[in-house]
C-alpha atoms as a PDB file:
ATOM      1  CA  MET A   1      84.399 137.838 108.115  1.00  0.00           C
ATOM      2  CA  ASP A   2      85.693 140.441 105.727  1.00  0.00           C
ATOM      3  CA  LYS A   3      88.932 139.238 103.653  1.00  0.00           C
ATOM      4  CA  ARG A   4      91.713 140.794 101.912  1.00  0.00           C
ATOM      5  CA  ILE A   5      93.034 138.489  99.231  1.00  0.00           C
ATOM      6  CA  LEU A   6      96.154 138.789  96.983  1.00  0.00           C
ATOM      7  CA  LEU A   7      96.259 137.300  93.897  1.00  0.00           C
ATOM      8  CA  PRO A   8      99.682 137.285  92.128  1.00  0.00           C
ATOM      9  CA  THR A   9      99.405 136.645  88.420  1.00  0.00           C
ATOM     10  CA  ASP A  10     102.128 136.270  85.559  1.00  0.00           C
ATOM     11  CA  TYR A  11      98.880 136.059  83.051  1.00  0.00           C
ATOM     12  CA  SER A  12      99.473 132.201  82.878  1.00  0.00           C
ATOM     13  CA  LYS A  13      96.844 129.452  82.752  1.00  0.00           C
ATOM     14  CA  ASN A  14      97.697 128.181  86.229  1.00  0.00           C
ATOM     15  CA  ALA A  15      97.423 131.719  87.620  1.00  0.00           C
ATOM     16  CA  PHE A  16      94.053 132.262  86.042  1.00  0.00           C
ATOM     17  CA  ASN A  17      92.948 128.874  87.461  1.00  0.00           C
ATOM     18  CA  ALA A  18      94.291 129.847  91.088  1.00  0.00           C
ATOM     19  CA  ILE A  19      92.504 133.243  90.897  1.00  0.00           C
ATOM     20  CA  LYS A  20      88.882 131.217  90.124  1.00  0.00           C
ATOM     21  CA  TYR A  21      89.763 128.998  93.093  1.00  0.00           C
ATOM     22  CA  ALA A  22      89.876 132.043  95.080  1.00  0.00           C
ATOM     23  CA  LEU A  23      86.623 133.580  93.880  1.00  0.00           C
ATOM     24  CA  GLY A  24      85.188 129.800  94.477  1.00  0.00           C
ATOM     25  CA  LEU A  25      86.599 129.419  98.038  1.00  0.00           C
ATOM     26  CA  TYR A  26      85.681 133.083  99.358  1.00  0.00           C
ATOM     27  CA  ALA A  27      82.322 132.942  97.279  1.00  0.00           C
ATOM     28  CA  ASN A  28      80.211 133.835 100.397  1.00  0.00           C
ATOM     29  CA  VAL A  29      82.740 136.038 101.998  1.00  0.00           C
ATOM     30  CA  GLN A  30      82.946 139.839 101.383  1.00  0.00           C
ATOM     31  CA  CYS A  31      86.566 140.162 100.022  1.00  0.00           C
ATOM     32  CA  ASP A  32      88.740 142.860  98.489  1.00  0.00           C
ATOM     33  CA  PHE A  33      90.861 141.007  95.731  1.00  0.00           C
ATOM     34  CA  TYR A  34      94.081 142.748  94.711  1.00  0.00           C
ATOM     35  CA  ILE A  35      95.223 141.404  91.530  1.00  0.00           C
ATOM     36  CA  LEU A  36      99.193 141.746  91.498  1.00  0.00           C
ATOM     37  CA  ASN A  37     101.553 141.630  88.548  1.00  0.00           C
ATOM     38  CA  ALA A  38     105.147 142.318  88.989  1.00  0.00           C
ATOM     39  CA  TYR A  39     106.995 143.174  85.726  1.00  0.00           C
ATOM     40  CA  GLN A  40     110.559 143.526  84.887  1.00  0.00           C
ATOM     41  CA  VAL A  41     112.583 144.448  81.555  1.00  0.00           C
ATOM     42  CA  SER A  42     114.086 141.667  79.964  1.00  0.00           C
ATOM     43  CA  GLY A  43     117.758 141.287  80.342  1.00  0.00           C
ATOM     44  CA  TYR A  44     117.714 143.325  83.439  1.00  0.00           C
ATOM     45  CA  THR A  45     117.460 142.396  87.100  1.00  0.00           C
ATOM     46  CA  LEU A  46     116.685 144.695  90.135  1.00  0.00           C
ATOM     47  CA  GLU A  47     120.470 143.844  91.137  1.00  0.00           C
ATOM     48  CA  SER A  48     122.049 145.333  87.814  1.00  0.00           C
ATOM     49  CA  MET A  49     124.232 148.017  87.882  1.00  0.00           C
ATOM     50  CA  ARG A  50     122.007 149.946  85.985  1.00  0.00           C
ATOM     51  CA  VAL A  51     118.173 149.291  85.103  1.00  0.00           C
ATOM     52  CA  PRO A  52     115.747 151.122  82.944  1.00  0.00           C
ATOM     53  CA  GLU A  53     113.779 153.894  84.685  1.00  0.00           C
ATOM     54  CA  GLU A  54     110.451 155.182  84.077  1.00  0.00           C
ATOM     55  CA  GLY A  55     110.230 157.140  80.758  1.00  0.00           C
ATOM     56  CA  GLU A  56     112.761 154.882  79.119  1.00  0.00           C
ATOM     57  CA  PRO A  57     111.529 152.847  76.194  1.00  0.00           C
ATOM     58  CA  LEU A  58     112.411 149.404  77.543  1.00  0.00           C
ATOM     59  CA  TYR A  59     110.810 150.577  80.891  1.00  0.00           C
ATOM     60  CA  GLU A  60     107.517 151.739  79.251  1.00  0.00           C
ATOM     61  CA  ALA A  61     107.263 148.877  77.108  1.00  0.00           C
ATOM     62  CA  ALA A  62     107.255 146.433  79.993  1.00  0.00           C
ATOM     63  CA  LYS A  63     104.839 148.551  81.894  1.00  0.00           C
ATOM     64  CA  LYS A  64     102.301 148.666  78.840  1.00  0.00           C
ATOM     65  CA  GLU A  65     102.662 144.736  78.534  1.00  0.00           C
ATOM     66  CA  SER A  66     101.789 144.489  82.254  1.00  0.00           C
ATOM     67  CA  GLU A  67      98.819 146.859  81.938  1.00  0.00           C
ATOM     68  CA  GLU A  68      97.544 145.478  78.850  1.00  0.00           C
ATOM     69  CA  GLY A  69      97.693 141.966  80.454  1.00  0.00           C
ATOM     70  CA  MET A  70      95.937 143.231  83.315  1.00  0.00           C
ATOM     71  CA  GLU A  71      93.099 144.705  81.158  1.00  0.00           C
ATOM     72  CA  ARG A  72      92.746 141.686  79.558  1.00  0.00           C
ATOM     73  CA  LEU A  73      92.342 139.548  82.736  1.00  0.00           C
ATOM     74  CA  LEU A  74      89.619 141.818  83.968  1.00  0.00           C
ATOM     75  CA  GLN A  75      87.501 141.579  80.736  1.00  0.00           C
ATOM     76  CA  ILE A  76      87.998 137.732  81.304  1.00  0.00           C
ATOM     77  CA  LEU A  77      86.952 138.212  84.958  1.00  0.00           C
ATOM     78  CA  LYS A  78      83.876 140.127  83.856  1.00  0.00           C
ATOM     79  CA  LEU A  79      82.579 136.990  81.964  1.00  0.00           C
ATOM     80  CA  GLN A  80      82.703 134.981  85.282  1.00  0.00           C
ATOM     81  CA  PRO A  81      79.235 134.946  87.389  1.00  0.00           C
ATOM     82  CA  GLU A  82      79.069 138.423  89.199  1.00  0.00           C
ATOM     83  CA  ASN A  83      79.447 138.176  92.879  1.00  0.00           C
ATOM     84  CA  HIS A  84      78.479 141.342  94.704  1.00  0.00           C
ATOM     85  CA  LYS A  85      80.432 140.377  97.809  1.00  0.00           C
ATOM     86  CA  HIS A  86      83.697 140.862  95.677  1.00  0.00           C
ATOM     87  CA  ARG A  87      85.585 143.962  95.127  1.00  0.00           C
ATOM     88  CA  PHE A  88      88.650 143.761  92.803  1.00  0.00           C
ATOM     89  CA  HIS A  89      92.021 145.976  92.766  1.00  0.00           C
ATOM     90  CA  THR A  90      94.776 145.797  90.412  1.00  0.00           C
ATOM     91  CA  ILE A  91      98.443 146.611  91.110  1.00  0.00           C
ATOM     92  CA  CYS A  92     101.104 146.636  88.099  1.00  0.00           C
ATOM     93  CA  THR A  93     104.509 147.127  89.694  1.00  0.00           C
ATOM     94  CA  PHE A  94     108.272 147.183  88.409  1.00  0.00           C
ATOM     95  CA  ASN A  95     109.704 144.993  90.919  1.00  0.00           C
ATOM     96  CA  SER A  96     111.118 141.531  91.600  1.00  0.00           C
ATOM     97  CA  PHE A  97     108.166 139.074  92.159  1.00  0.00           C
ATOM     98  CA  VAL A  98     108.645 138.278  96.056  1.00  0.00           C
ATOM     99  CA  GLU A  99     109.540 142.081  96.858  1.00  0.00           C
ATOM    100  CA  ALA A 100     106.280 142.937  95.051  1.00  0.00           C
ATOM    101  CA  VAL A 101     104.248 140.343  96.944  1.00  0.00           C
ATOM    102  CA  ASP A 102     105.840 141.549 100.335  1.00  0.00           C
ATOM    103  CA  HIS A 103     105.078 145.125  99.474  1.00  0.00           C
ATOM    104  CA  ALA A 104     101.518 144.446  98.511  1.00  0.00           C
ATOM    105  CA  VAL A 105     101.003 142.474 101.905  1.00  0.00           C
ATOM    106  CA  ARG A 106     102.229 144.985 103.951  1.00  0.00           C
ATOM    107  CA  LYS A 107     100.321 147.902 102.169  1.00  0.00           C
ATOM    108  CA  ASN A 108      97.142 146.316 101.858  1.00  0.00           C
ATOM    109  CA  ASP A 109      96.926 144.412 105.068  1.00  0.00           C
ATOM    110  CA  ILE A 110      96.466 141.131 103.290  1.00  0.00           C
ATOM    111  CA  ASP A 111      94.789 138.223 105.049  1.00  0.00           C
ATOM    112  CA  ALA A 112      95.867 135.574 102.385  1.00  0.00           C
ATOM    113  CA  ILE A 113      97.696 134.943  99.282  1.00  0.00           C
ATOM    114  CA  VAL A 114      96.341 132.640  96.739  1.00  0.00           C
ATOM    115  CA  MET A 115      98.570 131.454  93.812  1.00  0.00           C
ATOM    116  CA  GLY A 116      99.298 128.676  91.291  1.00  0.00           C
ATOM    117  CA  THR A 117     101.821 126.154  92.096  1.00  0.00           C
ATOM    118  CA  LYS A 118     103.684 126.965  88.600  1.00  0.00           C
ATOM    119  CA  GLY A 119     103.845 129.989  86.459  1.00  0.00           C
ATOM    120  CA  VAL A 120     103.945 130.593  82.783  1.00  0.00           C
ATOM    121  CA  THR A 121     107.592 129.108  82.849  1.00  0.00           C
ATOM    122  CA  GLY A 122     107.064 126.222  85.032  1.00  0.00           C
ATOM    123  CA  SER A 123     108.779 123.012  84.070  1.00  0.00           C
ATOM    124  CA  MET A 124     107.017 119.540  84.308  1.00  0.00           C
ATOM    125  CA  THR A 125     110.141 118.373  86.481  1.00  0.00           C
ATOM    126  CA  MET A 126     109.446 121.067  89.067  1.00  0.00           C
ATOM    127  CA  ILE A 127     106.271 120.229  91.670  1.00  0.00           C
ATOM    128  CA  PHE A 128     106.342 123.910  93.014  1.00  0.00           C
ATOM    129  CA  GLY A 129     107.251 126.780  91.033  1.00  0.00           C
ATOM    130  CA  THR A 130     110.410 128.782  92.188  1.00  0.00           C
ATOM    131  CA  ASN A 131     108.125 131.797  92.924  1.00  0.00           C
ATOM    132  CA  THR A 132     105.731 129.689  94.927  1.00  0.00           C
ATOM    133  CA  VAL A 133     108.384 128.336  97.052  1.00  0.00           C
ATOM    134  CA  ARG A 134     109.986 131.961  97.387  1.00  0.00           C
ATOM    135  CA  VAL A 135     106.703 133.231  98.937  1.00  0.00           C
ATOM    136  CA  MET A 136     106.195 130.339 101.010  1.00  0.00           C
ATOM    137  CA  GLU A 137     109.700 130.974 102.680  1.00  0.00           C
ATOM    138  CA  GLN A 138     109.880 134.529 102.776  1.00  0.00           C
ATOM    139  CA  ILE A 139     106.140 136.004 103.223  1.00  0.00           C
ATOM    140  CA  LYS A 140     105.349 135.440 107.051  1.00  0.00           C
ATOM    141  CA  GLN A 141     102.618 137.669 107.514  1.00  0.00           C
ATOM    142  CA  CYS A 142      99.746 135.617 106.120  1.00  0.00           C
ATOM    143  CA  PRO A 143      98.862 132.026 104.935  1.00  0.00           C
ATOM    144  CA  VAL A 144      99.640 131.034 101.414  1.00  0.00           C
ATOM    145  CA  ILE A 145      97.179 128.785  99.446  1.00  0.00           C
ATOM    146  CA  ALA A 146      98.883 127.080  96.189  1.00  0.00           C
ATOM    147  CA  VAL A 147      96.538 125.723  93.860  1.00  0.00           C
ATOM    148  CA  PRO A 148      97.634 122.814  91.328  1.00  0.00           C
ATOM    149  CA  ASN A 149      97.443 123.245  87.677  1.00  0.00           C
ATOM    150  CA  ASP A 150      93.984 122.647  86.502  1.00  0.00           C
ATOM    151  CA  TYR A 151      92.293 122.031  89.763  1.00  0.00           C
ATOM    152  CA  LEU A 152      88.679 122.945  90.025  1.00  0.00           C
ATOM    153  CA  PHE A 153      87.023 124.409  92.864  1.00  0.00           C
ATOM    154  CA  VAL A 154      85.323 122.068  95.388  1.00  0.00           C
ATOM    155  CA  PRO A 155      84.323 122.985  98.731  1.00  0.00           C
ATOM    156  CA  PRO A 156      87.231 121.734 101.080  1.00  0.00           C
ATOM    157  CA  LYS A 157      85.055 119.282 102.980  1.00  0.00           C
ATOM    158  CA  GLU A 158      87.976 116.840 103.959  1.00  0.00           C
ATOM    159  CA  ILE A 159      91.206 118.873 104.909  1.00  0.00           C
ATOM    160  CA  VAL A 160      94.423 116.606 105.811  1.00  0.00           C
ATOM    161  CA  PHE A 161      96.535 118.387 108.349  1.00  0.00           C
ATOM    162  CA  PRO A 162      99.939 116.317 109.191  1.00  0.00           C
ATOM    163  CA  THR A 163     102.098 117.112 112.189  1.00  0.00           C
ATOM    164  CA  ASP A 164     104.611 114.869 114.269  1.00  0.00           C
ATOM    165  CA  PHE A 165     103.517 116.573 117.547  1.00  0.00           C
ATOM    166  CA  ARG A 166     106.938 117.723 118.255  1.00  0.00           C
ATOM    167  CA  ASN A 167     106.375 121.334 118.515  1.00  0.00           C
ATOM    168  CA  SER A 168     103.655 123.221 120.769  1.00  0.00           C
ATOM    169  CA  PHE A 169     100.589 125.031 118.679  1.00  0.00           C
ATOM    170  CA  GLN A 170      99.313 128.449 119.198  1.00  0.00           C
ATOM    171  CA  LYS A 171      95.624 129.180 118.030  1.00  0.00           C
ATOM    172  CA  LYS A 172      96.975 132.134 115.926  1.00  0.00           C
ATOM    173  CA  GLU A 173      98.984 129.842 113.899  1.00  0.00           C
ATOM    174  CA  ILE A 174      96.026 127.388 112.688  1.00  0.00           C
ATOM    175  CA  ARG A 175      93.433 130.174 112.831  1.00  0.00           C
ATOM    176  CA  ASP A 176      92.838 130.276 108.814  1.00  0.00           C
ATOM    177  CA  LEU A 177      92.651 126.504 108.873  1.00  0.00           C
ATOM    178  CA  MET A 178      89.796 126.761 111.413  1.00  0.00           C
ATOM    179  CA  GLU A 179      88.138 129.589 109.700  1.00  0.00           C
ATOM    180  CA  ILE A 180      88.083 127.697 106.173  1.00  0.00           C
ATOM    181  CA  ALA A 181      86.906 124.371 108.097  1.00  0.00           C
ATOM    182  CA  ASN A 182      84.095 126.332 109.823  1.00  0.00           C
ATOM    183  CA  LEU A 183      82.917 128.143 106.368  1.00  0.00           C
ATOM    184  CA  TYR A 184      82.406 125.108 104.732  1.00  0.00           C
ATOM    185  CA  GLY A 185      81.641 122.370 107.867  1.00  0.00           C
ATOM    186  CA  SER A 186      84.925 120.779 106.751  1.00  0.00           C
ATOM    187  CA  ARG A 187      86.592 117.856 109.044  1.00  0.00           C
ATOM    188  CA  ILE A 188      90.212 118.418 109.824  1.00  0.00           C
ATOM    189  CA  ASN A 189      91.899 115.300 109.758  1.00  0.00           C
ATOM    190  CA  VAL A 190      95.268 115.464 112.003  1.00  0.00           C
ATOM    191  CA  VAL A 191      97.634 113.038 110.700  1.00  0.00           C
ATOM    192  CA  HIS A 192     100.249 112.149 113.222  1.00  0.00           C
ATOM    193  CA  MET A 193     103.187 111.137 110.905  1.00  0.00           C
ATOM    194  CA  ASP A 194     105.682 109.023 112.763  1.00  0.00           C
ATOM    195  CA  ARG A 195     109.151 108.379 111.127  1.00  0.00           C
ATOM    196  CA  ASP A 196     109.722 105.833 113.976  1.00  0.00           C
ATOM    197  CA  LYS A 197     106.603 103.753 112.853  1.00  0.00           C
ATOM    198  CA  ASP A 198     105.571 102.833 116.574  1.00  0.00           C
ATOM    199  CA  GLY A 199     103.150 105.895 116.968  1.00  0.00           C
ATOM    200  CA  ALA A 200     104.180 106.110 120.953  1.00  0.00           C
ATOM    201  CA  LEU A 201     104.084 109.880 121.898  1.00  0.00           C
ATOM    202  CA  SER A 202     106.974 111.333 124.268  1.00  0.00           C
ATOM    203  CA  GLU A 203     105.440 113.515 127.420  1.00  0.00           C
ATOM    204  CA  SER A 204     106.178 116.456 125.545  1.00  0.00           C
ATOM    205  CA  GLU A 205     104.476 115.312 122.179  1.00  0.00           C
ATOM    206  CA  ALA A 206     101.440 113.995 124.067  1.00  0.00           C
ATOM    207  CA  ALA A 207     101.153 117.572 125.751  1.00  0.00           C
ATOM    208  CA  ASN A 208     101.187 119.001 122.370  1.00  0.00           C
ATOM    209  CA  LYS A 209      98.367 116.624 121.025  1.00  0.00           C
ATOM    210  CA  LYS A 210      96.430 117.667 124.013  1.00  0.00           C
ATOM    211  CA  LEU A 211      96.636 121.317 123.231  1.00  0.00           C
ATOM    212  CA  LEU A 212      96.156 121.091 119.559  1.00  0.00           C
ATOM    213  CA  GLU A 213      92.856 119.025 120.717  1.00  0.00           C
ATOM    214  CA  ASP A 214      92.181 122.157 123.132  1.00  0.00           C
ATOM    215  CA  ILE A 215      92.611 124.476 120.163  1.00  0.00           C
ATOM    216  CA  LEU A 216      90.262 122.672 117.879  1.00  0.00           C
ATOM    217  CA  ASP A 217      87.555 122.159 120.370  1.00  0.00           C
ATOM    218  CA  GLY A 218      84.374 123.010 118.562  1.00  0.00           C
ATOM    219  CA  THR A 219      85.509 122.243 115.296  1.00  0.00           C
ATOM    220  CA  ASP A 220      84.819 119.012 113.273  1.00  0.00           C
ATOM    221  CA  TYR A 221      88.044 117.121 113.608  1.00  0.00           C
ATOM    222  CA  GLU A 222      89.394 113.315 113.915  1.00  0.00           C
ATOM    223  CA  MET A 223      93.078 112.291 115.041  1.00  0.00           C
ATOM    224  CA  HIS A 224      94.765 109.688 112.762  1.00  0.00           C
ATOM    225  CA  PHE A 225      98.066 107.769 112.926  1.00  0.00           C
ATOM    226  CA  LEU A 226      99.990 107.029 109.941  1.00  0.00           C
ATOM    227  CA  PRO A 227     103.388 105.094 110.148  1.00  0.00           C
ATOM    228  CA  THR A 228     105.715 106.183 106.977  1.00  0.00           C
ATOM    229  CA  VAL A 229     109.233 106.819 106.076  1.00  0.00           C
ATOM    230  CA  LYS A 230     108.446 108.475 102.901  1.00  0.00           C
ATOM    231  CA  LEU A 231     106.465 111.556 103.800  1.00  0.00           C
ATOM    232  CA  GLY A 232     104.853 112.768 100.553  1.00  0.00           C
ATOM    233  CA  LYS A 233     103.732 109.079  99.787  1.00  0.00           C
ATOM    234  CA  GLY A 234     101.985 108.731 103.021  1.00  0.00           C
ATOM    235  CA  ILE A 235     100.272 111.978 102.603  1.00  0.00           C
ATOM    236  CA  GLU A 236      99.215 111.134  99.240  1.00  0.00           C
ATOM    237  CA  ILE A 237      97.828 107.754 100.444  1.00  0.00           C
ATOM    238  CA  PHE A 238      95.995 109.184 103.041  1.00  0.00           C
ATOM    239  CA  LEU A 239      94.290 111.966 100.853  1.00  0.00           C
ATOM    240  CA  GLU A 240      93.170 109.037  98.475  1.00  0.00           C
ATOM    241  CA  SER A 241      91.704 107.323 101.267  1.00  0.00           C
ATOM    242  CA  ILE A 242      89.495 109.840 102.651  1.00  0.00           C
ATOM    243  CA  ARG A 243      89.006 111.871  99.388  1.00  0.00           C
ATOM    244  CA  GLY A 244      90.891 114.869 100.733  1.00  0.00           C
ATOM    245  CA  ASP A 245      90.174 118.374  99.375  1.00  0.00           C
ATOM    246  CA  MET A 246      93.085 120.197 100.813  1.00  0.00           C
ATOM    247  CA  VAL A 247      96.389 119.882 102.773  1.00  0.00           C
ATOM    248  CA  ALA A 248      97.246 122.327 105.463  1.00  0.00           C
ATOM    249  CA  PHE A 249     100.964 122.769 106.714  1.00  0.00           C
ATOM    250  CA  LEU A 250     102.504 124.440 109.610  1.00  0.00           C
ATOM    251  CA  ASN A 251     105.471 125.994 108.057  1.00  0.00           C
ATOM    252  CA  ARG A 252     108.080 125.712 110.439  1.00  0.00           C
ATOM    253  CA  LYS A 253     111.474 125.528 109.170  1.00  0.00           C
ATOM    254  CA  HIS A 254     113.792 122.728 110.492  1.00  0.00           C
ATOM    255  CA  THR A 255     110.850 120.644 111.043  1.00  0.00           C
ATOM    256  CA  PHE A 256     110.088 117.622 109.130  1.00  0.00           C
ATOM    257  CA  LEU A 257     107.130 119.058 107.416  1.00  0.00           C
ATOM    258  CA  TRP A 258     109.101 121.704 106.078  1.00  0.00           C
ATOM    259  CA  THR A 259     111.133 119.184 104.006  1.00  0.00           C
ATOM    260  CA  VAL A 260     108.014 118.836 101.777  1.00  0.00           C
ATOM    261  CA  LEU A 261     107.805 122.210 100.943  1.00  0.00           C
ATOM    262  CA  SER A 262     111.666 122.846 100.440  1.00  0.00           C
ATOM    263  CA  ASN A 263     112.286 123.269  96.700  1.00  0.00           C
ATOM    264  CA  PRO A 264     115.202 120.758  96.624  1.00  0.00           C
ATOM    265  CA  LEU A 265     113.606 117.812  98.449  1.00  0.00           C
ATOM    266  CA  VAL A 266     110.082 117.968  96.986  1.00  0.00           C
ATOM    267  CA  LYS A 267     111.062 115.896  94.035  1.00  0.00           C
ATOM    268  CA  GLU A 268     113.236 113.335  96.481  1.00  0.00           C
ATOM    269  CA  ILE A 269     110.122 113.100  98.950  1.00  0.00           C
ATOM    270  CA  GLY A 270     107.751 112.731  95.889  1.00  0.00           C
ATOM    271  CA  TYR A 271     104.888 114.762  97.031  1.00  0.00           C
ATOM    272  CA  ASP A 272     103.136 115.838  93.876  1.00  0.00           C
ATOM    273  CA  PRO A 273     100.074 117.849  95.114  1.00  0.00           C
ATOM    274  CA  LYS A 274      96.986 117.000  93.716  1.00  0.00           C
ATOM    275  CA  VAL A 275      94.927 118.995  95.928  1.00  0.00           C
ATOM    276  CA  PRO A 276      95.478 122.973  97.340  1.00  0.00           C
ATOM    277  CA  ILE A 277      98.008 123.549  99.921  1.00  0.00           C
ATOM    278  CA  LEU A 278      97.332 125.982 102.620  1.00  0.00           C
ATOM    279  CA  GLU A 279     100.578 126.953 104.073  1.00  0.00           C
ATOM    280  CA  LEU A 280     100.267 128.345 107.619  1.00  0.00           C
ATOM    281  CA  ASN A 281     103.037 130.429 109.391  1.00  0.00           C
ATOM    282  CA  ASP A 282     104.248 130.046 112.920  1.00  0.00           C
ATOM    283  CA  ASN A 283     104.348 133.777 113.706  1.00  0.00           C
END
């Protein structure tokens, strides 16, 4: 299994921590890592009537700062234990963050994005950084792994996968979850989170549950029921009870789990990630 992994960075501590997590997670996998820094010129946006162009002093200064930051990062990475399975590529580009990520994903046929939950300007009052949420919302070609600040890599032996069984499943949607589980002999803990508290499944929900069991056949998994009103708190309690190492979400807009990742609702729901989040897409 060869992988092409995108590592966006703003040269912050959190971004570097996410890079280290990626190196640990894929330590035994042949990987091409693409380290991306998207830079802009202070005081301008790409939507401005006029933006500095290549060759102009402001543009060249921003480009130089980006390239020097990348060189420092590569020097730090050289101090990490060498892994002959890993190759590094660098991308410094004048672009908005999400546009740069989207372009890099398409151009380099990226399999997964690993990034921090916050950036260099991350506020303590924001659980997910704006860039993290935007990537999860807009990049649908591959999964995103968001790594909390200061989280040190441990093999994800216990993975929590919450669902309400109200939508059907496709194998391609959860392929990356199964790959990680099989790579580490992990257990996937499917958690039925029920807003109505009784746990009873409708006929269609029961069929979706059976379909998921069929897809997961051959993978170590367990089914759990968790009555809860406050979604984030329920996930947090369950994670602590099994000492979970990762939470996987199937990102479907307009379903109840999407609210956990929706930026305006994260604080209200109260989910502060203590472990990495694997965000899967439904297309």
